[in-house]
Amino acid sequence: MYSLKTKKKDITYGQRKLLDLLDHRKLMAFSREHNLSFVYVFNIAIGKNFPPPVMIFNLRSIIPPETWFFKESDPLPPGHIYSIKSAYKDWDYTKSIAYKAFQKTENLKGFCRDNDLQYTSLTLVHRGKRAPSFQKIKLLMNVFYPADWFFSPDEIKD
């Protein structure tokens, strides 16, 4: 069959959805339907690769973005209710809720020191010159809800 690259308790809710598709022999069809590489999606399912933020954005109506960041061993915290019907076809993190909140951070060095983050790795994200990677979004989870990187303020329903 397949072997997980992570411990079973370390599986995220998003990985579980892909593994369920794999168990029901539907992962190949899912990959084709969403124009994704089956091998890459399989590697994400077993924990070998992280899902890229663009993929998380494109699948957000099927697999909620926050499910990629929380382990099944932890309860999934309640987030906002989002409207998936959006004018945005491509992921533009600079229009996201989290980015707009991050931009309000005036003292980035102090912010990084207070949250035990590396300044040099976040400065390009803060300036809007580089999109945050999966790992950066995960690092910022204590400050910004992960799904907020994938929705704009006008997409909040609640």
N, C-alpha and C. Protein backbone atom coordinates (compact mmCIF):
# COMPACT_ATOMS: atom_id res chain seq x y z
N MET A 1 0.85 -1.18 0.00
CA MET A 1 0.00 0.00 0.00
C MET A 1 0.89 1.24 0.00
N TYR A 2 0.83 2.07 1.00
CA TYR A 2 1.66 3.27 1.08
C TYR A 2 2.08 3.44 2.53
N SER A 3 3.19 4.08 2.73
CA SER A 3 3.63 4.33 4.10
C SER A 3 3.65 5.83 4.35
N LEU A 4 3.17 6.21 5.50
CA LEU A 4 3.17 7.62 5.85
C LEU A 4 4.56 8.04 6.25
N LYS A 5 4.96 9.22 5.83
CA LYS A 5 6.27 9.76 6.19
C LYS A 5 6.22 10.44 7.55
N THR A 6 5.03 10.59 8.10
CA THR A 6 4.87 11.17 9.42
C THR A 6 4.21 10.14 10.32
N LYS A 7 4.22 10.39 11.61
CA LYS A 7 3.51 9.51 12.54
C LYS A 7 2.03 9.73 12.35
N LYS A 8 1.23 8.70 12.60
CA LYS A 8 -0.21 8.81 12.37
C LYS A 8 -0.83 9.96 13.16
N LYS A 9 -0.31 10.24 14.35
CA LYS A 9 -0.89 11.33 15.13
C LYS A 9 -0.50 12.71 14.58
N ASP A 10 0.48 12.75 13.68
CA ASP A 10 0.93 14.01 13.10
C ASP A 10 0.24 14.36 11.80
N ILE A 11 -0.77 13.61 11.42
CA ILE A 11 -1.48 13.87 10.17
C ILE A 11 -2.40 15.08 10.34
N THR A 12 -2.38 15.96 9.36
CA THR A 12 -3.29 17.11 9.40
C THR A 12 -4.66 16.69 8.88
N TYR A 13 -5.64 17.53 9.16
CA TYR A 13 -6.99 17.26 8.67
C TYR A 13 -7.02 17.25 7.13
N GLY A 14 -6.23 18.11 6.52
CA GLY A 14 -6.14 18.16 5.05
C GLY A 14 -5.54 16.88 4.49
N GLN A 15 -4.47 16.39 5.13
CA GLN A 15 -3.88 15.13 4.70
C GLN A 15 -4.90 14.01 4.81
N ARG A 16 -5.68 14.01 5.89
CA ARG A 16 -6.68 12.96 6.09
C ARG A 16 -7.67 12.93 4.93
N LYS A 17 -8.07 14.09 4.45
CA LYS A 17 -9.00 14.12 3.31
C LYS A 17 -8.38 13.46 2.08
N LEU A 18 -7.09 13.75 1.84
CA LEU A 18 -6.41 13.13 0.70
C LEU A 18 -6.22 11.63 0.92
N LEU A 19 -5.87 11.24 2.13
CA LEU A 19 -5.69 9.81 2.43
C LEU A 19 -7.00 9.05 2.30
N ASP A 20 -8.11 9.68 2.68
CA ASP A 20 -9.42 9.05 2.50
C ASP A 20 -9.72 8.84 1.01
N LEU A 21 -9.39 9.84 0.20
CA LEU A 21 -9.56 9.69 -1.25
C LEU A 21 -8.68 8.55 -1.77
N LEU A 22 -7.46 8.47 -1.25
CA LEU A 22 -6.53 7.41 -1.66
C LEU A 22 -7.08 6.05 -1.27
N ASP A 23 -7.59 5.93 -0.05
CA ASP A 23 -8.15 4.66 0.42
C ASP A 23 -9.34 4.21 -0.43
N HIS A 24 -10.09 5.17 -0.94
CA HIS A 24 -11.25 4.85 -1.78
C HIS A 24 -10.91 4.86 -3.27
N ARG A 25 -9.63 4.90 -3.58
CA ARG A 25 -9.14 4.88 -4.96
C ARG A 25 -9.70 6.01 -5.81
N LYS A 26 -9.81 7.19 -5.20
CA LYS A 26 -10.35 8.35 -5.90
C LYS A 26 -9.34 9.49 -6.01
N LEU A 27 -8.13 9.28 -5.51
CA LEU A 27 -7.14 10.35 -5.52
C LEU A 27 -6.69 10.70 -6.94
N MET A 28 -6.57 9.71 -7.80
CA MET A 28 -6.16 9.97 -9.20
C MET A 28 -7.21 10.83 -9.90
N ALA A 29 -8.47 10.48 -9.74
CA ALA A 29 -9.55 11.25 -10.37
C ALA A 29 -9.59 12.67 -9.79
N PHE A 30 -9.40 12.80 -8.49
CA PHE A 30 -9.37 14.10 -7.83
C PHE A 30 -8.24 14.95 -8.41
N SER A 31 -7.07 14.35 -8.56
CA SER A 31 -5.90 15.07 -9.11
C SER A 31 -6.16 15.54 -10.53
N ARG A 32 -6.72 14.67 -11.35
CA ARG A 32 -7.03 15.05 -12.74
C ARG A 32 -8.07 16.15 -12.80
N GLU A 33 -9.11 16.01 -11.99
CA GLU A 33 -10.20 16.98 -11.98
C GLU A 33 -9.70 18.39 -11.65
N HIS A 34 -8.70 18.47 -10.78
CA HIS A 34 -8.19 19.77 -10.34
C HIS A 34 -6.86 20.14 -10.98
N ASN A 35 -6.51 19.39 -12.04
CA ASN A 35 -5.30 19.68 -12.82
C ASN A 35 -4.04 19.71 -11.95
N LEU A 36 -3.92 18.69 -11.09
CA LEU A 36 -2.78 18.55 -10.19
C LEU A 36 -2.01 17.28 -10.52
N SER A 37 -0.74 17.29 -10.25
CA SER A 37 0.08 16.10 -10.45
C SER A 37 -0.28 15.06 -9.40
N PHE A 38 -0.66 13.88 -9.85
CA PHE A 38 -1.04 12.81 -8.92
C PHE A 38 0.11 12.49 -7.97
N VAL A 39 1.32 12.40 -8.49
CA VAL A 39 2.48 12.05 -7.66
C VAL A 39 2.68 13.10 -6.58
N TYR A 40 2.56 14.36 -6.95
CA TYR A 40 2.75 15.44 -5.97
C TYR A 40 1.66 15.40 -4.90
N VAL A 41 0.41 15.22 -5.32
CA VAL A 41 -0.71 15.15 -4.37
C VAL A 41 -0.54 13.92 -3.46
N PHE A 42 -0.10 12.82 -4.04
CA PHE A 42 0.16 11.62 -3.24
C PHE A 42 1.23 11.90 -2.18
N ASN A 43 2.31 12.58 -2.59
CA ASN A 43 3.38 12.91 -1.65
C ASN A 43 2.91 13.86 -0.55
N ILE A 44 1.99 14.73 -0.86
CA ILE A 44 1.40 15.60 0.16
C ILE A 44 0.56 14.76 1.12
N ALA A 45 -0.20 13.84 0.57
CA ALA A 45 -1.05 12.98 1.40
C ALA A 45 -0.24 12.17 2.40
N ILE A 46 0.89 11.64 1.98
CA ILE A 46 1.69 10.80 2.89
C ILE A 46 2.66 11.61 3.74
N GLY A 47 2.69 12.92 3.55
CA GLY A 47 3.52 13.77 4.39
C GLY A 47 4.93 14.00 3.89
N LYS A 48 5.20 13.63 2.66
CA LYS A 48 6.54 13.85 2.11
C LYS A 48 6.74 15.30 1.68
N ASN A 49 5.69 15.95 1.19
CA ASN A 49 5.74 17.35 0.76
C ASN A 49 4.68 18.15 1.50
N PHE A 50 4.91 19.45 1.59
CA PHE A 50 3.90 20.37 2.09
C PHE A 50 3.05 20.84 0.92
N PRO A 51 1.78 21.12 1.14
CA PRO A 51 0.99 21.67 0.03
C PRO A 51 1.40 23.12 -0.23
N PRO A 52 1.64 23.49 -1.47
CA PRO A 52 1.99 24.88 -1.74
C PRO A 52 0.77 25.78 -1.52
N PRO A 53 0.99 27.01 -1.06
CA PRO A 53 -0.14 27.91 -0.81
C PRO A 53 -1.06 28.11 -2.02
N VAL A 54 -0.52 28.09 -3.23
CA VAL A 54 -1.37 28.25 -4.43
C VAL A 54 -2.35 27.08 -4.52
N MET A 55 -1.90 25.88 -4.22
CA MET A 55 -2.78 24.72 -4.24
C MET A 55 -3.84 24.83 -3.13
N ILE A 56 -3.42 25.28 -1.96
CA ILE A 56 -4.38 25.46 -0.86
C ILE A 56 -5.46 26.45 -1.28
N PHE A 57 -5.05 27.54 -1.94
CA PHE A 57 -6.01 28.54 -2.41
C PHE A 57 -6.96 27.94 -3.44
N ASN A 58 -6.41 27.22 -4.40
CA ASN A 58 -7.25 26.65 -5.47
C ASN A 58 -8.22 25.60 -4.97
N LEU A 59 -7.88 24.91 -3.89
CA LEU A 59 -8.75 23.86 -3.34
C LEU A 59 -9.58 24.34 -2.15
N ARG A 60 -9.57 25.63 -1.86
CA ARG A 60 -10.20 26.12 -0.64
C ARG A 60 -11.69 25.88 -0.55
N SER A 61 -12.37 25.69 -1.68
CA SER A 61 -13.80 25.39 -1.63
C SER A 61 -14.06 23.91 -1.34
N ILE A 62 -13.04 23.08 -1.47
CA ILE A 62 -13.17 21.64 -1.25
C ILE A 62 -12.53 21.23 0.08
N ILE A 63 -11.33 21.73 0.32
CA ILE A 63 -10.61 21.45 1.56
C ILE A 63 -10.30 22.79 2.22
N PRO A 64 -10.95 23.10 3.33
CA PRO A 64 -10.72 24.40 3.98
C PRO A 64 -9.24 24.62 4.29
N PRO A 65 -8.72 25.82 4.02
CA PRO A 65 -7.29 26.08 4.19
C PRO A 65 -6.73 25.75 5.57
N GLU A 66 -7.49 26.04 6.62
CA GLU A 66 -6.97 25.79 7.97
C GLU A 66 -6.71 24.31 8.25
N THR A 67 -7.35 23.41 7.50
CA THR A 67 -7.18 21.98 7.76
C THR A 67 -5.78 21.50 7.42
N TRP A 68 -5.04 22.26 6.62
CA TRP A 68 -3.67 21.88 6.28
C TRP A 68 -2.68 22.20 7.39
N PHE A 69 -3.08 23.01 8.34
CA PHE A 69 -2.16 23.51 9.35
C PHE A 69 -2.37 22.93 10.74
N PHE A 70 -3.47 22.23 10.96
CA PHE A 70 -3.76 21.67 12.28
C PHE A 70 -3.74 20.15 12.23
N LYS A 71 -3.12 19.55 13.21
CA LYS A 71 -3.01 18.09 13.31
C LYS A 71 -4.33 17.52 13.84
N GLU A 72 -4.59 16.28 13.47
CA GLU A 72 -5.80 15.62 13.94
C GLU A 72 -5.76 15.39 15.45
N SER A 73 -4.57 15.36 16.04
CA SER A 73 -4.46 15.16 17.48
C SER A 73 -4.91 16.41 18.25
N ASP A 74 -5.04 17.55 17.57
CA ASP A 74 -5.51 18.80 18.18
C ASP A 74 -6.88 19.15 17.62
N PRO A 75 -7.72 19.76 18.45
CA PRO A 75 -9.02 20.18 17.91
C PRO A 75 -8.85 21.30 16.90
N LEU A 76 -9.67 21.28 15.90
CA LEU A 76 -9.64 22.33 14.87
C LEU A 76 -10.36 23.56 15.42
N PRO A 77 -9.63 24.68 15.60
CA PRO A 77 -10.28 25.86 16.17
C PRO A 77 -11.28 26.46 15.20
N PRO A 78 -12.33 27.04 15.74
CA PRO A 78 -13.32 27.66 14.84
C PRO A 78 -12.72 28.91 14.20
N GLY A 79 -13.00 29.08 12.95
CA GLY A 79 -12.51 30.25 12.23
C GLY A 79 -13.68 31.07 11.74
N HIS A 80 -13.42 31.91 10.78
CA HIS A 80 -14.48 32.69 10.15
C HIS A 80 -15.27 31.80 9.21
N ILE A 81 -16.44 32.25 8.86
CA ILE A 81 -17.18 31.62 7.78
C ILE A 81 -16.92 32.48 6.55
N TYR A 82 -16.40 31.83 5.51
CA TYR A 82 -15.99 32.55 4.33
C TYR A 82 -16.94 32.30 3.17
N SER A 83 -17.00 33.25 2.28
CA SER A 83 -17.72 33.10 1.03
C SER A 83 -16.70 32.65 -0.01
N ILE A 84 -16.94 31.50 -0.62
CA ILE A 84 -16.00 30.99 -1.61
C ILE A 84 -16.21 31.67 -2.96
N LYS A 85 -17.39 32.23 -3.18
CA LYS A 85 -17.64 32.91 -4.44
C LYS A 85 -16.88 34.22 -4.42
N SER A 86 -15.80 34.24 -5.15
CA SER A 86 -14.89 35.37 -5.09
C SER A 86 -14.53 35.84 -6.49
N ALA A 87 -14.14 37.09 -6.56
CA ALA A 87 -13.65 37.64 -7.83
C ALA A 87 -12.22 37.21 -8.09
N TYR A 88 -11.56 36.67 -7.07
CA TYR A 88 -10.16 36.30 -7.19
C TYR A 88 -10.02 34.90 -7.76
N LYS A 89 -9.36 34.80 -8.89
CA LYS A 89 -9.14 33.49 -9.52
C LYS A 89 -7.77 32.93 -9.14
N ASP A 90 -6.82 33.84 -8.88
CA ASP A 90 -5.47 33.44 -8.50
C ASP A 90 -5.18 33.95 -7.10
N TRP A 91 -4.32 33.24 -6.41
CA TRP A 91 -3.97 33.62 -5.05
C TRP A 91 -3.13 34.89 -5.08
N ASP A 92 -3.66 35.94 -4.47
CA ASP A 92 -2.92 37.18 -4.30
C ASP A 92 -2.88 37.45 -2.80
N TYR A 93 -1.82 37.01 -2.18
CA TYR A 93 -1.71 37.12 -0.72
C TYR A 93 -1.77 38.56 -0.24
N THR A 94 -1.44 39.54 -1.09
CA THR A 94 -1.46 40.93 -0.66
C THR A 94 -2.88 41.46 -0.45
N LYS A 95 -3.87 40.73 -0.91
CA LYS A 95 -5.26 41.11 -0.69
C LYS A 95 -5.89 40.32 0.45
N SER A 96 -5.10 39.48 1.11
CA SER A 96 -5.64 38.60 2.15
C SER A 96 -5.82 39.33 3.48
N ILE A 97 -6.67 38.78 4.30
CA ILE A 97 -6.95 39.31 5.64
C ILE A 97 -5.66 39.35 6.46
N ALA A 98 -4.92 38.25 6.46
CA ALA A 98 -3.71 38.15 7.28
C ALA A 98 -2.64 39.13 6.81
N TYR A 99 -2.48 39.26 5.51
CA TYR A 99 -1.45 40.18 5.01
C TYR A 99 -1.77 41.62 5.39
N LYS A 100 -3.04 42.00 5.27
CA LYS A 100 -3.43 43.36 5.62
C LYS A 100 -3.19 43.62 7.11
N ALA A 101 -3.45 42.62 7.95
CA ALA A 101 -3.16 42.75 9.38
C ALA A 101 -1.65 42.80 9.62
N PHE A 102 -0.89 42.00 8.88
CA PHE A 102 0.57 41.97 9.00
C PHE A 102 1.17 43.32 8.60
N GLN A 103 0.57 43.97 7.60
CA GLN A 103 1.05 45.27 7.14
C GLN A 103 0.92 46.34 8.23
N LYS A 104 -0.01 46.17 9.14
CA LYS A 104 -0.22 47.14 10.22
C LYS A 104 0.89 47.06 11.27
N THR A 105 1.74 46.03 11.17
CA THR A 105 2.86 45.88 12.08
C THR A 105 3.91 46.92 11.73
N GLU A 106 4.07 47.91 12.59
CA GLU A 106 5.02 48.99 12.31
C GLU A 106 6.45 48.60 12.66
N ASN A 107 6.64 47.95 13.78
CA ASN A 107 7.96 47.56 14.22
C ASN A 107 8.15 46.06 13.97
N LEU A 108 8.59 45.71 12.78
CA LEU A 108 8.72 44.30 12.42
C LEU A 108 9.76 43.59 13.27
N LYS A 109 10.86 44.27 13.59
CA LYS A 109 11.88 43.64 14.44
C LYS A 109 11.32 43.32 15.82
N GLY A 110 10.58 44.23 16.39
CA GLY A 110 9.95 44.00 17.69
C GLY A 110 8.91 42.89 17.62
N PHE A 111 8.12 42.89 16.54
CA PHE A 111 7.12 41.84 16.32
C PHE A 111 7.79 40.47 16.27
N CYS A 112 8.88 40.37 15.52
CA CYS A 112 9.61 39.10 15.39
C CYS A 112 10.21 38.68 16.73
N ARG A 113 10.76 39.64 17.46
CA ARG A 113 11.34 39.34 18.77
C ARG A 113 10.26 38.86 19.74
N ASP A 114 9.12 39.53 19.76
CA ASP A 114 8.03 39.18 20.68
C ASP A 114 7.42 37.81 20.37
N ASN A 115 7.44 37.42 19.08
CA ASN A 115 6.82 36.15 18.67
C ASN A 115 7.85 35.07 18.35
N ASP A 116 9.11 35.32 18.70
CA ASP A 116 10.19 34.36 18.50
C ASP A 116 10.30 33.93 17.03
N LEU A 117 10.32 34.91 16.14
CA LEU A 117 10.42 34.67 14.69
C LEU A 117 11.67 35.34 14.16
N GLN A 118 12.18 34.85 13.02
CA GLN A 118 13.36 35.45 12.42
C GLN A 118 12.97 36.63 11.53
N TYR A 119 13.57 37.75 11.80
CA TYR A 119 13.28 38.98 11.06
C TYR A 119 13.61 38.85 9.58
N THR A 120 14.77 38.30 9.28
CA THR A 120 15.20 38.24 7.88
C THR A 120 14.29 37.37 7.03
N SER A 121 13.69 36.35 7.62
CA SER A 121 12.83 35.48 6.82
C SER A 121 11.44 36.09 6.58
N LEU A 122 11.05 37.06 7.38
CA LEU A 122 9.72 37.65 7.22
C LEU A 122 9.72 39.02 6.55
N THR A 123 10.87 39.64 6.43
CA THR A 123 10.91 40.99 5.89
C THR A 123 10.41 41.07 4.45
N LEU A 124 10.72 40.08 3.61
CA LEU A 124 10.24 40.11 2.22
C LEU A 124 8.74 39.89 2.14
N VAL A 125 8.20 39.06 3.02
CA VAL A 125 6.75 38.87 3.07
C VAL A 125 6.08 40.16 3.51
N HIS A 126 6.62 40.78 4.54
CA HIS A 126 6.06 42.03 5.07
C HIS A 126 6.07 43.15 4.03
N ARG A 127 7.10 43.20 3.22
CA ARG A 127 7.20 44.24 2.18
C ARG A 127 6.38 43.92 0.93
N GLY A 128 5.81 42.71 0.87
CA GLY A 128 5.02 42.33 -0.30
C GLY A 128 5.84 41.88 -1.47
N LYS A 129 7.10 41.54 -1.24
CA LYS A 129 7.98 41.12 -2.33
C LYS A 129 8.02 39.61 -2.50
N ARG A 130 7.58 38.87 -1.51
CA ARG A 130 7.58 37.41 -1.61
C ARG A 130 6.35 36.86 -0.89
N ALA A 131 5.69 35.93 -1.55
CA ALA A 131 4.52 35.27 -0.95
C ALA A 131 4.98 34.39 0.21
N PRO A 132 4.16 34.30 1.25
CA PRO A 132 4.55 33.42 2.35
C PRO A 132 4.45 31.95 1.94
N SER A 133 5.44 31.19 2.32
CA SER A 133 5.42 29.75 2.04
C SER A 133 4.54 29.06 3.08
N PHE A 134 4.29 27.79 2.87
CA PHE A 134 3.53 27.00 3.83
C PHE A 134 4.19 27.10 5.21
N GLN A 135 5.51 26.96 5.25
CA GLN A 135 6.24 26.99 6.51
C GLN A 135 6.12 28.35 7.20
N LYS A 136 6.14 29.45 6.44
CA LYS A 136 6.00 30.79 7.03
C LYS A 136 4.60 30.99 7.61
N ILE A 137 3.60 30.53 6.87
CA ILE A 137 2.23 30.64 7.38
C ILE A 137 2.10 29.83 8.67
N LYS A 138 2.72 28.67 8.70
CA LYS A 138 2.69 27.83 9.90
C LYS A 138 3.40 28.52 11.07
N LEU A 139 4.53 29.18 10.80
CA LEU A 139 5.24 29.92 11.85
C LEU A 139 4.38 31.05 12.42
N LEU A 140 3.58 31.66 11.56
CA LEU A 140 2.76 32.80 11.97
C LEU A 140 1.39 32.40 12.53
N MET A 141 1.16 31.10 12.69
CA MET A 141 -0.15 30.61 13.15
C MET A 141 -0.57 31.18 14.50
N ASN A 142 0.38 31.44 15.37
CA ASN A 142 0.03 31.96 16.69
C ASN A 142 -0.44 33.41 16.64
N VAL A 143 -0.14 34.08 15.55
CA VAL A 143 -0.50 35.49 15.40
C VAL A 143 -1.67 35.67 14.43
N PHE A 144 -1.62 34.97 13.29
CA PHE A 144 -2.65 35.09 12.26
C PHE A 144 -3.27 33.72 11.99
N TYR A 145 -4.58 33.66 11.94
CA TYR A 145 -5.28 32.41 11.63
C TYR A 145 -4.88 31.99 10.22
N PRO A 146 -4.43 30.74 10.02
CA PRO A 146 -3.89 30.33 8.72
C PRO A 146 -4.82 30.56 7.52
N ALA A 147 -6.09 30.33 7.69
CA ALA A 147 -7.03 30.50 6.56
C ALA A 147 -7.11 31.95 6.11
N ASP A 148 -6.78 32.88 6.99
CA ASP A 148 -6.86 34.29 6.64
C ASP A 148 -5.86 34.71 5.57
N TRP A 149 -4.88 33.87 5.26
CA TRP A 149 -3.94 34.14 4.17
C TRP A 149 -4.57 33.83 2.81
N PHE A 150 -5.73 33.16 2.81
CA PHE A 150 -6.33 32.67 1.57
C PHE A 150 -7.68 33.32 1.26
N PHE A 151 -8.07 34.32 2.06
CA PHE A 151 -9.34 35.01 1.85
C PHE A 151 -9.14 36.50 2.01
N SER A 152 -9.88 37.26 1.25
CA SER A 152 -9.82 38.73 1.37
C SER A 152 -10.87 39.18 2.37
N PRO A 153 -10.77 40.40 2.89
CA PRO A 153 -11.75 40.88 3.89
C PRO A 153 -13.19 40.84 3.41
N ASP A 154 -13.42 41.04 2.11
CA ASP A 154 -14.79 41.03 1.60
C ASP A 154 -15.36 39.62 1.46
N GLU A 155 -14.58 38.59 1.77
CA GLU A 155 -15.06 37.22 1.70
C GLU A 155 -15.50 36.65 3.04
N ILE A 156 -15.45 37.44 4.09
CA ILE A 156 -15.89 36.98 5.41
C ILE A 156 -17.41 37.12 5.48
N LYS A 157 -18.08 36.07 5.91
CA LYS A 157 -19.53 36.09 6.03
C LYS A 157 -19.97 36.50 7.43
N ASP A 158 -19.20 36.08 8.47
CA ASP A 158 -19.69 36.28 9.84
C ASP A 158 -19.40 37.62 10.41
